[in-house]
Amino acid sequence: MPDHPRTLNTGPSQSLLWLFGAILTIQGFGSAVTEAGWNTSFGVAGLLRAAHVPEWGALLVGCAGTALLATAARRHHARSRAGRRS
């Protein structure tokens, strides 16, 4: 059986990027929308309010999640291109 390079999304670090990116995106943006629309804090927004972080802090968490998802997608794309070249 020939040795193959890691295939798409099989590495633990790649899976963690997808997971944490999704969690931070949903928690950050979801908390910000809920707080703005219904004037209530939960999840990340609730924790940030308790730590006296400004309201836009939840949006930063959502942006961090989006950046992790973009990094995961870029790595996925790079690996798929490398796999086609071999």
Protein backbone atom coordinates (compact mmCIF):
# COMPACT_ATOMS: atom_id res chain seq x y z
CA MET A 1 0.00 0.00 0.00
CA PRO A 2 1.61 3.30 -1.06
CA ASP A 3 2.06 6.11 1.43
CA HIS A 4 -0.39 8.93 0.81
CA PRO A 5 -0.16 12.44 2.20
CA ARG A 6 -2.84 13.38 4.66
CA THR A 7 -6.13 13.72 2.94
CA LEU A 8 -8.54 16.58 3.37
CA ASN A 9 -9.57 17.48 6.92
CA THR A 10 -8.07 14.41 8.56
CA GLY A 11 -5.56 16.18 10.78
CA PRO A 12 -6.60 16.98 14.34
CA SER A 13 -5.50 20.60 14.03
CA GLN A 14 -7.61 21.03 10.89
CA SER A 15 -10.66 19.57 12.62
CA LEU A 16 -10.13 21.84 15.61
CA LEU A 17 -9.95 24.88 13.33
CA TRP A 18 -13.33 23.99 11.83
CA LEU A 19 -14.85 23.26 15.24
CA PHE A 20 -13.61 26.31 17.12
CA GLY A 21 -14.26 28.54 14.13
CA ALA A 22 -17.88 27.43 13.98
CA ILE A 23 -18.38 27.73 17.74
CA LEU A 24 -16.86 31.20 17.98
CA THR A 25 -18.74 32.45 14.92
CA ILE A 26 -22.11 31.23 16.16
CA GLN A 27 -21.54 32.31 19.76
CA GLY A 28 -20.06 35.70 18.89
CA PHE A 29 -22.48 36.84 16.22
CA GLY A 30 -25.46 35.05 17.77
CA SER A 31 -24.84 36.64 21.15
CA ALA A 32 -24.42 40.08 19.56
CA VAL A 33 -27.66 39.76 17.58
CA THR A 34 -29.60 38.46 20.59
CA GLU A 35 -28.30 41.22 22.80
CA ALA A 36 -29.10 43.92 20.25
CA GLY A 37 -32.53 42.56 19.29
CA TRP A 38 -33.89 41.30 22.59
CA ASN A 39 -31.76 43.20 25.09
CA THR A 40 -30.58 40.03 26.81
CA SER A 41 -27.12 38.51 27.21
CA PHE A 42 -26.32 34.82 26.97
CA GLY A 43 -23.28 32.72 26.17
CA VAL A 44 -20.28 34.75 25.11
CA ALA A 45 -22.06 38.09 25.46
CA GLY A 46 -23.09 37.27 29.01
CA LEU A 47 -19.55 36.32 29.96
CA LEU A 48 -18.13 39.41 28.31
CA ARG A 49 -20.64 41.68 30.09
CA ALA A 50 -19.66 40.13 33.43
CA ALA A 51 -16.02 40.95 32.57
CA HIS A 52 -17.02 44.57 31.72
CA VAL A 53 -16.11 44.23 28.04
CA PRO A 54 -17.92 46.67 25.70
CA GLU A 55 -20.88 45.45 23.63
CA TRP A 56 -18.76 45.14 20.48
CA GLY A 57 -16.66 42.46 22.21
CA ALA A 58 -19.07 39.74 21.07
CA LEU A 59 -18.61 40.91 17.48
CA LEU A 60 -14.86 40.49 17.89
CA VAL A 61 -15.43 36.91 19.02
CA GLY A 62 -17.55 36.33 15.90
CA CYS A 63 -14.83 37.85 13.71
CA ALA A 64 -12.21 35.62 15.34
CA GLY A 65 -14.40 32.61 14.51
CA THR A 66 -14.76 33.78 10.94
CA ALA A 67 -10.97 34.12 10.68
CA LEU A 68 -10.53 30.54 11.96
CA LEU A 69 -13.06 29.27 9.43
CA ALA A 70 -11.27 31.17 6.65
CA THR A 71 -7.95 29.63 7.72
CA ALA A 72 -9.49 26.15 7.77
CA ALA A 73 -11.00 26.69 4.33
CA ARG A 74 -7.69 27.95 2.94
CA ARG A 75 -5.83 24.91 4.29
CA HIS A 76 -8.54 22.62 2.92
CA HIS A 77 -8.21 24.22 -0.50
CA ALA A 78 -4.40 24.05 -0.42
CA ARG A 79 -4.44 20.37 0.52
CA SER A 80 -6.95 19.51 -2.17
CA ARG A 81 -4.81 21.29 -4.78
CA ALA A 82 -1.68 19.50 -3.52
CA GLY A 83 -3.52 16.17 -3.69
CA ARG A 84 -4.48 16.74 -7.33
CA ARG A 85 -0.86 17.49 -8.28
CA SER A 86 0.47 14.16 -6.96
